[in-house]
Amino acid sequence: MIYGLLGYLLVIGWLEKKILPIVLSLVAFWLYGSALMALIPGVSPAGVSWVGHAGGFAAGLLAAWAQKKENPDAV
């Protein structure tokens, strides 16, 4: 859940190209960017599945892409 939310927040600002989502993406990266190190094999602590965390992160990226609006100014 956490890595999925992080992946979503990091990408949604870039996809929507609006100031508030971009700021939220930057704040999320600033606060939780170090957590991305756990996605690298060999860096995550012993006994922690980096594959599971990477899957959650990828799911967050896909969710952001699926939810993006083609024309955010249209009603």
PDB file of N, CA and C in Angstrom:
ATOM      1  N   MET A   1       0.821  -1.197   0.000  1.00  0.00           N
ATOM      2  CA  MET A   1       0.000   0.000   0.000  1.00  0.00           C
ATOM      3  C   MET A   1       0.864   1.260   0.000  1.00  0.00           C
ATOM      4  N   ILE A   2       1.864   1.304   0.843  1.00  0.00           N
ATOM      5  CA  ILE A   2       2.672   2.513   0.967  1.00  0.00           C
ATOM      6  C   ILE A   2       3.442   2.790  -0.320  1.00  0.00           C
ATOM      7  N   TYR A   3       4.084   1.775  -0.868  1.00  0.00           N
ATOM      8  CA  TYR A   3       4.858   1.983  -2.091  1.00  0.00           C
ATOM      9  C   TYR A   3       3.947   2.261  -3.282  1.00  0.00           C
ATOM     10  N   GLY A   4       2.761   1.698  -3.282  1.00  0.00           N
ATOM     11  CA  GLY A   4       1.800   2.005  -4.332  1.00  0.00           C
ATOM     12  C   GLY A   4       1.369   3.464  -4.273  1.00  0.00           C
ATOM     13  N   LEU A   5       1.089   3.945  -3.078  1.00  0.00           N
ATOM     14  CA  LEU A   5       0.717   5.347  -2.905  1.00  0.00           C
ATOM     15  C   LEU A   5       1.875   6.261  -3.286  1.00  0.00           C
ATOM     16  N   LEU A   6       3.078   5.889  -2.905  1.00  0.00           N
ATOM     17  CA  LEU A   6       4.250   6.686  -3.253  1.00  0.00           C
ATOM     18  C   LEU A   6       4.432   6.752  -4.771  1.00  0.00           C
ATOM     19  N   GLY A   7       4.307   5.613  -5.435  1.00  0.00           N
ATOM     20  CA  GLY A   7       4.413   5.598  -6.890  1.00  0.00           C
ATOM     21  C   GLY A   7       3.348   6.466  -7.543  1.00  0.00           C
ATOM     22  N   TYR A   8       2.139   6.383  -7.027  1.00  0.00           N
ATOM     23  CA  TYR A   8       1.039   7.194  -7.559  1.00  0.00           C
ATOM     24  C   TYR A   8       1.334   8.686  -7.399  1.00  0.00           C
ATOM     25  N   LEU A   9       1.736   9.078  -6.188  1.00  0.00           N
ATOM     26  CA  LEU A   9       1.980  10.492  -5.919  1.00  0.00           C
ATOM     27  C   LEU A   9       3.139  11.052  -6.728  1.00  0.00           C
ATOM     28  N   LEU A  10       4.152  10.235  -6.962  1.00  0.00           N
ATOM     29  CA  LEU A  10       5.304  10.718  -7.710  1.00  0.00           C
ATOM     30  C   LEU A  10       4.982  10.960  -9.180  1.00  0.00           C
ATOM     31  N   VAL A  11       4.027  10.232  -9.730  1.00  0.00           N
ATOM     32  CA  VAL A  11       3.760  10.308 -11.165  1.00  0.00           C
ATOM     33  C   VAL A  11       2.554  11.180 -11.515  1.00  0.00           C
ATOM     34  N   ILE A  12       1.584  11.274 -10.635  1.00  0.00           N
ATOM     35  CA  ILE A  12       0.337  11.956 -10.999  1.00  0.00           C
ATOM     36  C   ILE A  12       0.557  13.434 -11.317  1.00  0.00           C
ATOM     37  N   GLY A  13       1.469  14.092 -10.623  1.00  0.00           N
ATOM     38  CA  GLY A  13       1.747  15.499 -10.916  1.00  0.00           C
ATOM     39  C   GLY A  13       2.319  15.687 -12.301  1.00  0.00           C
ATOM     40  N   TRP A  14       3.204  14.810 -12.679  1.00  0.00           N
ATOM     41  CA  TRP A  14       3.822  14.882 -14.005  1.00  0.00           C
ATOM     42  C   TRP A  14       2.787  14.621 -15.097  1.00  0.00           C
ATOM     43  N   LEU A  15       1.867  13.711 -14.843  1.00  0.00           N
ATOM     44  CA  LEU A  15       0.861  13.377 -15.849  1.00  0.00           C
ATOM     45  C   LEU A  15      -0.199  14.462 -16.001  1.00  0.00           C
ATOM     46  N   GLU A  16      -0.619  15.059 -14.892  1.00  0.00           N
ATOM     47  CA  GLU A  16      -1.700  16.048 -14.961  1.00  0.00           C
ATOM     48  C   GLU A  16      -1.207  17.440 -15.333  1.00  0.00           C
ATOM     49  N   LYS A  17       0.050  17.731 -15.107  1.00  0.00           N
ATOM     50  CA  LYS A  17       0.657  19.017 -15.464  1.00  0.00           C
ATOM     51  C   LYS A  17      -0.097  20.204 -14.865  1.00  0.00           C
ATOM     52  N   LYS A  18      -0.498  20.057 -13.600  1.00  0.00           N
ATOM     53  CA  LYS A  18      -1.121  21.139 -12.853  1.00  0.00           C
ATOM     54  C   LYS A  18      -0.257  21.403 -11.629  1.00  0.00           C
ATOM     55  N   ILE A  19      -0.309  22.614 -11.131  1.00  0.00           N
ATOM     56  CA  ILE A  19       0.629  23.028 -10.092  1.00  0.00           C
ATOM     57  C   ILE A  19       0.447  22.250  -8.782  1.00  0.00           C
ATOM     58  N   LEU A  20      -0.772  22.062  -8.308  1.00  0.00           N
ATOM     59  CA  LEU A  20      -0.967  21.375  -7.028  1.00  0.00           C
ATOM     60  C   LEU A  20      -0.494  19.921  -7.069  1.00  0.00           C
ATOM     61  N   PRO A  21      -0.873  19.131  -8.067  1.00  0.00           N
ATOM     62  CA  PRO A  21      -0.340  17.766  -8.113  1.00  0.00           C
ATOM     63  C   PRO A  21       1.181  17.719  -8.272  1.00  0.00           C
ATOM     64  N   ILE A  22       1.756  18.679  -9.002  1.00  0.00           N
ATOM     65  CA  ILE A  22       3.214  18.711  -9.142  1.00  0.00           C
ATOM     66  C   ILE A  22       3.863  18.997  -7.798  1.00  0.00           C
ATOM     67  N   VAL A  23       3.322  19.957  -7.054  1.00  0.00           N
ATOM     68  CA  VAL A  23       3.862  20.278  -5.725  1.00  0.00           C
ATOM     69  C   VAL A  23       3.735  19.076  -4.800  1.00  0.00           C
ATOM     70  N   LEU A  24       2.594  18.394  -4.833  1.00  0.00           N
ATOM     71  CA  LEU A  24       2.416  17.208  -3.989  1.00  0.00           C
ATOM     72  C   LEU A  24       3.387  16.102  -4.377  1.00  0.00           C
ATOM     73  N   SER A  25       3.663  15.954  -5.658  1.00  0.00           N
ATOM     74  CA  SER A  25       4.643  14.964  -6.106  1.00  0.00           C
ATOM     75  C   SER A  25       6.028  15.295  -5.574  1.00  0.00           C
ATOM     76  N   LEU A  26       6.408  16.562  -5.637  1.00  0.00           N
ATOM     77  CA  LEU A  26       7.723  16.974  -5.141  1.00  0.00           C
ATOM     78  C   LEU A  26       7.835  16.811  -3.628  1.00  0.00           C
ATOM     79  N   VAL A  27       6.768  17.136  -2.907  1.00  0.00           N
ATOM     80  CA  VAL A  27       6.773  16.963  -1.449  1.00  0.00           C
ATOM     81  C   VAL A  27       6.883  15.485  -1.094  1.00  0.00           C
ATOM     82  N   ALA A  28       6.151  14.637  -1.798  1.00  0.00           N
ATOM     83  CA  ALA A  28       6.233  13.194  -1.542  1.00  0.00           C
ATOM     84  C   ALA A  28       7.638  12.680  -1.805  1.00  0.00           C
ATOM     85  N   PHE A  29       8.260  13.144  -2.881  1.00  0.00           N
ATOM     86  CA  PHE A  29       9.627  12.712  -3.177  1.00  0.00           C
ATOM     87  C   PHE A  29      10.592  13.219  -2.119  1.00  0.00           C
ATOM     88  N   TRP A  30      10.419  14.447  -1.669  1.00  0.00           N
ATOM     89  CA  TRP A  30      11.301  15.019  -0.651  1.00  0.00           C
ATOM     90  C   TRP A  30      11.168  14.268   0.676  1.00  0.00           C
ATOM     91  N   LEU A  31       9.946  13.925   1.056  1.00  0.00           N
ATOM     92  CA  LEU A  31       9.723  13.250   2.338  1.00  0.00           C
ATOM     93  C   LEU A  31      10.062  11.764   2.298  1.00  0.00           C
ATOM     94  N   TYR A  32       9.747  11.103   1.192  1.00  0.00           N
ATOM     95  CA  TYR A  32       9.848   9.649   1.146  1.00  0.00           C
ATOM     96  C   TYR A  32      10.782   9.125   0.063  1.00  0.00           C
ATOM     97  N   GLY A  33      11.560   9.994  -0.547  1.00  0.00           N
ATOM     98  CA  GLY A  33      12.462   9.576  -1.615  1.00  0.00           C
ATOM     99  C   GLY A  33      13.470   8.535  -1.181  1.00  0.00           C
ATOM    100  N   SER A  34      13.898   8.612   0.078  1.00  0.00           N
ATOM    101  CA  SER A  34      14.867   7.625   0.563  1.00  0.00           C
ATOM    102  C   SER A  34      14.258   6.227   0.640  1.00  0.00           C
ATOM    103  N   ALA A  35      12.946   6.137   0.729  1.00  0.00           N
ATOM    104  CA  ALA A  35      12.286   4.828   0.767  1.00  0.00           C
ATOM    105  C   ALA A  35      12.434   4.094  -0.555  1.00  0.00           C
ATOM    106  N   LEU A  36      12.706   4.831  -1.627  1.00  0.00           N
ATOM    107  CA  LEU A  36      12.875   4.198  -2.935  1.00  0.00           C
ATOM    108  C   LEU A  36      14.115   3.315  -2.980  1.00  0.00           C
ATOM    109  N   MET A  37      15.048   3.534  -2.069  1.00  0.00           N
ATOM    110  CA  MET A  37      16.253   2.699  -2.015  1.00  0.00           C
ATOM    111  C   MET A  37      15.895   1.241  -1.734  1.00  0.00           C
ATOM    112  N   ALA A  38      14.794   1.012  -1.034  1.00  0.00           N
ATOM    113  CA  ALA A  38      14.387  -0.358  -0.714  1.00  0.00           C
ATOM    114  C   ALA A  38      13.947  -1.124  -1.956  1.00  0.00           C
ATOM    115  N   LEU A  39      13.775  -0.444  -3.079  1.00  0.00           N
ATOM    116  CA  LEU A  39      13.387  -1.118  -4.315  1.00  0.00           C
ATOM    117  C   LEU A  39      14.582  -1.704  -5.049  1.00  0.00           C
ATOM    118  N   ILE A  40      15.779  -1.397  -4.579  1.00  0.00           N
ATOM    119  CA  ILE A  40      16.997  -1.880  -5.229  1.00  0.00           C
ATOM    120  C   ILE A  40      17.409  -3.203  -4.583  1.00  0.00           C
ATOM    121  N   PRO A  41      17.579  -4.255  -5.381  1.00  0.00           N
ATOM    122  CA  PRO A  41      17.999  -5.542  -4.808  1.00  0.00           C
ATOM    123  C   PRO A  41      19.344  -5.398  -4.099  1.00  0.00           C
ATOM    124  N   GLY A  42      19.441  -5.990  -2.931  1.00  0.00           N
ATOM    125  CA  GLY A  42      20.671  -5.947  -2.156  1.00  0.00           C
ATOM    126  C   GLY A  42      20.736  -4.783  -1.189  1.00  0.00           C
ATOM    127  N   VAL A  43      19.898  -3.775  -1.375  1.00  0.00           N
ATOM    128  CA  VAL A  43      19.899  -2.620  -0.481  1.00  0.00           C
ATOM    129  C   VAL A  43      18.848  -2.788   0.611  1.00  0.00           C
ATOM    130  N   SER A  44      17.738  -3.447   0.289  1.00  0.00           N
ATOM    131  CA  SER A  44      16.686  -3.635   1.280  1.00  0.00           C
ATOM    132  C   SER A  44      17.180  -4.570   2.380  1.00  0.00           C
ATOM    133  N   PRO A  45      16.674  -4.385   3.597  1.00  0.00           N
ATOM    134  CA  PRO A  45      17.120  -5.219   4.719  1.00  0.00           C
ATOM    135  C   PRO A  45      16.846  -6.704   4.485  1.00  0.00           C
ATOM    136  N   ALA A  46      17.631  -7.532   5.129  1.00  0.00           N
ATOM    137  CA  ALA A  46      17.451  -8.986   5.017  1.00  0.00           C
ATOM    138  C   ALA A  46      16.061  -9.367   5.522  1.00  0.00           C
ATOM    139  N   GLY A  47      15.419 -10.249   4.810  1.00  0.00           N
ATOM    140  CA  GLY A  47      14.095 -10.708   5.198  1.00  0.00           C
ATOM    141  C   GLY A  47      12.960  -9.845   4.665  1.00  0.00           C
ATOM    142  N   VAL A  48      13.286  -8.776   3.953  1.00  0.00           N
ATOM    143  CA  VAL A  48      12.266  -7.897   3.383  1.00  0.00           C
ATOM    144  C   VAL A  48      12.253  -8.105   1.874  1.00  0.00           C
ATOM    145  N   SER A  49      11.106  -8.396   1.339  1.00  0.00           N
ATOM    146  CA  SER A  49      10.990  -8.681  -0.090  1.00  0.00           C
ATOM    147  C   SER A  49      10.965  -7.384  -0.897  1.00  0.00           C
ATOM    148  N   TRP A  50      12.038  -7.125  -1.611  1.00  0.00           N
ATOM    149  CA  TRP A  50      12.064  -5.934  -2.464  1.00  0.00           C
ATOM    150  C   TRP A  50      11.136  -6.115  -3.658  1.00  0.00           C
ATOM    151  N   VAL A  51      10.899  -7.376  -4.055  1.00  0.00           N
ATOM    152  CA  VAL A  51      10.022  -7.645  -5.197  1.00  0.00           C
ATOM    153  C   VAL A  51       8.586  -7.228  -4.870  1.00  0.00           C
ATOM    154  N   GLY A  52       8.144  -7.513  -3.667  1.00  0.00           N
ATOM    155  CA  GLY A  52       6.804  -7.113  -3.255  1.00  0.00           C
ATOM    156  C   GLY A  52       6.644  -5.604  -3.225  1.00  0.00           C
ATOM    157  N   HIS A  53       7.655  -4.921  -2.719  1.00  0.00           N
ATOM    158  CA  HIS A  53       7.604  -3.467  -2.679  1.00  0.00           C
ATOM    159  C   HIS A  53       7.650  -2.879  -4.095  1.00  0.00           C
ATOM    160  N   ALA A  54       8.466  -3.457  -4.962  1.00  0.00           N
ATOM    161  CA  ALA A  54       8.548  -2.984  -6.348  1.00  0.00           C
ATOM    162  C   ALA A  54       7.215  -3.205  -7.067  1.00  0.00           C
ATOM    163  N   GLY A  55       6.541  -4.312  -6.764  1.00  0.00           N
ATOM    164  CA  GLY A  55       5.231  -4.566  -7.356  1.00  0.00           C
ATOM    165  C   GLY A  55       4.204  -3.536  -6.924  1.00  0.00           C
ATOM    166  N   GLY A  56       4.224  -3.178  -5.654  1.00  0.00           N
ATOM    167  CA  GLY A  56       3.323  -2.135  -5.170  1.00  0.00           C
ATOM    168  C   GLY A  56       3.605  -0.791  -5.820  1.00  0.00           C
ATOM    169  N   PHE A  57       4.887  -0.474  -5.967  1.00  0.00           N
ATOM    170  CA  PHE A  57       5.286   0.778  -6.610  1.00  0.00           C
ATOM    171  C   PHE A  57       4.809   0.802  -8.063  1.00  0.00           C
ATOM    172  N   ALA A  58       5.003  -0.310  -8.769  1.00  0.00           N
ATOM    173  CA  ALA A  58       4.558  -0.404 -10.166  1.00  0.00           C
ATOM    174  C   ALA A  58       3.036  -0.280 -10.258  1.00  0.00           C
ATOM    175  N   ALA A  59       2.321  -0.857  -9.302  1.00  0.00           N
ATOM    176  CA  ALA A  59       0.861  -0.739  -9.298  1.00  0.00           C
ATOM    177  C   ALA A  59       0.436   0.713  -9.106  1.00  0.00           C
ATOM    178  N   GLY A  60       1.153   1.450  -8.268  1.00  0.00           N
ATOM    179  CA  GLY A  60       0.862   2.870  -8.091  1.00  0.00           C
ATOM    180  C   GLY A  60       1.100   3.666  -9.358  1.00  0.00           C
ATOM    181  N   LEU A  61       2.180   3.335 -10.072  1.00  0.00           N
ATOM    182  CA  LEU A  61       2.462   4.004 -11.343  1.00  0.00           C
ATOM    183  C   LEU A  61       1.350   3.731 -12.351  1.00  0.00           C
ATOM    184  N   LEU A  62       0.915   2.478 -12.418  1.00  0.00           N
ATOM    185  CA  LEU A  62      -0.163   2.112 -13.343  1.00  0.00           C
ATOM    186  C   LEU A  62      -1.487   2.772 -12.963  1.00  0.00           C
ATOM    187  N   ALA A  63      -1.752   2.872 -11.661  1.00  0.00           N
ATOM    188  CA  ALA A  63      -2.989   3.514 -11.217  1.00  0.00           C
ATOM    189  C   ALA A  63      -2.999   4.992 -11.593  1.00  0.00           C
ATOM    190  N   ALA A  64      -1.866   5.663 -11.448  1.00  0.00           N
ATOM    191  CA  ALA A  64      -1.784   7.076 -11.833  1.00  0.00           C
ATOM    192  C   ALA A  64      -1.996   7.228 -13.330  1.00  0.00           C
ATOM    193  N   TRP A  65      -1.376   6.366 -14.100  1.00  0.00           N
ATOM    194  CA  TRP A  65      -1.523   6.436 -15.554  1.00  0.00           C
ATOM    195  C   TRP A  65      -2.973   6.167 -15.965  1.00  0.00           C
ATOM    196  N   ALA A  66      -3.624   5.206 -15.303  1.00  0.00           N
ATOM    197  CA  ALA A  66      -5.007   4.856 -15.635  1.00  0.00           C
ATOM    198  C   ALA A  66      -5.978   5.967 -15.245  1.00  0.00           C
ATOM    199  N   GLN A  67      -5.643   6.731 -14.222  1.00  0.00           N
ATOM    200  CA  GLN A  67      -6.552   7.757 -13.730  1.00  0.00           C
ATOM    201  C   GLN A  67      -6.319   9.127 -14.369  1.00  0.00           C
ATOM    202  N   LYS A  68      -5.234   9.293 -15.090  1.00  0.00           N
ATOM    203  CA  LYS A  68      -4.936  10.613 -15.658  1.00  0.00           C
ATOM    204  C   LYS A  68      -6.057  11.071 -16.577  1.00  0.00           C
ATOM    205  N   LYS A  69      -6.225  12.358 -16.631  1.00  0.00           N
ATOM    206  CA  LYS A  69      -7.268  12.948 -17.459  1.00  0.00           C
ATOM    207  C   LYS A  69      -6.645  13.405 -18.764  1.00  0.00           C
ATOM    208  N   GLU A  70      -7.268  13.058 -19.867  1.00  0.00           N
ATOM    209  CA  GLU A  70      -6.747  13.444 -21.177  1.00  0.00           C
ATOM    210  C   GLU A  70      -6.808  14.953 -21.370  1.00  0.00           C
ATOM    211  N   ASN A  71      -7.912  15.562 -20.974  1.00  0.00           N
ATOM    212  CA  ASN A  71      -8.066  17.003 -21.085  1.00  0.00           C
ATOM    213  C   ASN A  71      -8.598  17.510 -19.754  1.00  0.00           C
ATOM    214  N   PRO A  72      -7.721  17.857 -18.801  1.00  0.00           N
ATOM    215  CA  PRO A  72      -8.180  18.203 -17.456  1.00  0.00           C
ATOM    216  C   PRO A  72      -9.017  19.477 -17.396  1.00  0.00           C
ATOM    217  N   ASP A  73      -8.941  20.343 -18.404  1.00  0.00           N
ATOM    218  CA  ASP A  73      -9.716  21.577 -18.385  1.00  0.00           C
ATOM    219  C   ASP A  73     -11.145  21.383 -18.880  1.00  0.00           C
ATOM    220  N   ALA A  74     -11.406  20.287 -19.566  1.00  0.00           N
ATOM    221  CA  ALA A  74     -12.754  20.016 -20.070  1.00  0.00           C
ATOM    222  C   ALA A  74     -13.654  19.541 -18.944  1.00  0.00           C
ATOM    223  N   VAL A  75     -14.917  19.871 -19.034  1.00  0.00           N
ATOM    224  CA  VAL A  75     -15.863  19.468 -17.993  1.00  0.00           C
ATOM    225  C   VAL A  75     -16.487  18.159 -18.342  1.00  0.00           C
TER     226      VAL A  75
END
